[in-house]
Amino acid sequence: MALLEAGTAVTVNGLKARPDLNGKTANIVAYVPERERYHLTMDEGEQEELYLKPANVEAISGGLSEDALLHRC
């Protein structure tokens, strides 16, 4: 599993206990190996801090993909 870097913008998904957060955006603070979770700060509201499994976060892609950058003229 490739870890996401601190500062990466992500979308939260698949939460059952907090479905109100699904589809919301957050920023990764760090990956915490002892918990096997990402430490996140939510973008909206009071910037709530959460610890979520990697399966519950998806990086928001912005700009060109790595493949597109390699094949630019």
Protein backbone atom coordinates (compact mmCIF):
# COMPACT_ATOMS: atom_id res chain seq x y z
CA MET A 1 0.00 0.00 0.00
CA ALA A 2 1.39 3.39 -1.00
CA LEU A 3 0.87 5.88 1.81
CA LEU A 4 -0.54 9.32 1.14
CA GLU A 5 1.65 12.24 2.16
CA ALA A 6 0.85 14.84 4.79
CA GLY A 7 -1.09 17.71 3.23
CA THR A 8 -2.84 15.50 0.68
CA ALA A 9 -6.47 16.47 0.12
CA VAL A 10 -8.80 13.49 0.44
CA THR A 11 -12.47 12.59 0.29
CA VAL A 12 -13.91 10.55 3.16
CA ASN A 13 -16.05 7.55 2.20
CA GLY A 14 -17.49 4.32 3.51
CA LEU A 15 -18.01 5.40 7.13
CA LYS A 16 -20.86 3.60 8.88
CA ALA A 17 -20.59 5.19 12.33
CA ARG A 18 -20.32 8.74 10.88
CA PRO A 19 -22.17 8.67 7.54
CA ASP A 20 -22.52 12.47 7.77
CA LEU A 21 -18.82 12.70 6.88
CA ASN A 22 -19.00 10.59 3.72
CA GLY A 23 -18.24 12.73 0.68
CA LYS A 24 -16.63 15.49 2.77
CA THR A 25 -13.09 16.66 2.20
CA ALA A 26 -10.18 16.58 4.61
CA ASN A 27 -6.41 16.96 4.69
CA ILE A 28 -3.97 14.33 5.86
CA VAL A 29 -1.90 15.36 8.85
CA ALA A 30 0.08 12.10 9.07
CA TYR A 31 -0.14 8.33 8.86
CA VAL A 32 -0.01 6.75 12.33
CA PRO A 33 1.47 3.24 11.98
CA GLU A 34 0.60 2.22 15.55
CA ARG A 35 -3.09 2.78 14.80
CA GLU A 36 -2.92 1.82 11.12
CA ARG A 37 -4.90 4.99 10.46
CA TYR A 38 -4.53 8.38 8.84
CA HIS A 39 -4.77 11.40 11.12
CA LEU A 40 -7.03 13.85 9.24
CA THR A 41 -8.35 17.35 9.71
CA MET A 42 -11.76 17.97 8.18
CA ASP A 43 -12.08 21.01 5.89
CA GLU A 44 -15.54 22.07 7.04
CA GLY A 45 -16.88 23.20 10.38
CA GLU A 46 -14.53 23.30 13.33
CA GLN A 47 -11.86 21.31 11.49
CA GLU A 48 -12.58 18.15 13.46
CA GLU A 49 -9.64 15.76 13.78
CA LEU A 50 -10.19 12.09 12.94
CA TYR A 51 -8.24 8.86 12.59
CA LEU A 52 -9.49 6.83 9.62
CA LYS A 53 -8.47 3.59 7.94
CA PRO A 54 -6.80 3.93 4.53
CA ALA A 55 -9.86 2.25 2.98
CA ASN A 56 -11.96 5.22 4.08
CA VAL A 57 -9.94 7.95 2.36
CA GLU A 58 -9.43 8.65 -1.33
CA ALA A 59 -6.94 11.19 -2.63
CA ILE A 60 -8.46 14.03 -4.60
CA SER A 61 -6.62 14.18 -7.89
CA GLY A 62 -5.68 17.57 -9.14
CA GLY A 63 -3.77 18.56 -12.22
CA LEU A 64 -2.08 16.09 -14.53
CA SER A 65 -1.41 12.48 -13.67
CA GLU A 66 2.17 11.24 -13.41
CA ASP A 67 1.71 9.34 -16.69
CA ALA A 68 0.45 12.48 -18.44
CA LEU A 69 3.44 14.46 -17.16
CA LEU A 70 5.88 11.84 -18.51
CA HIS A 71 4.37 11.97 -21.99
CA ARG A 72 4.08 15.74 -22.42
CA CYS A 73 5.81 17.29 -25.42
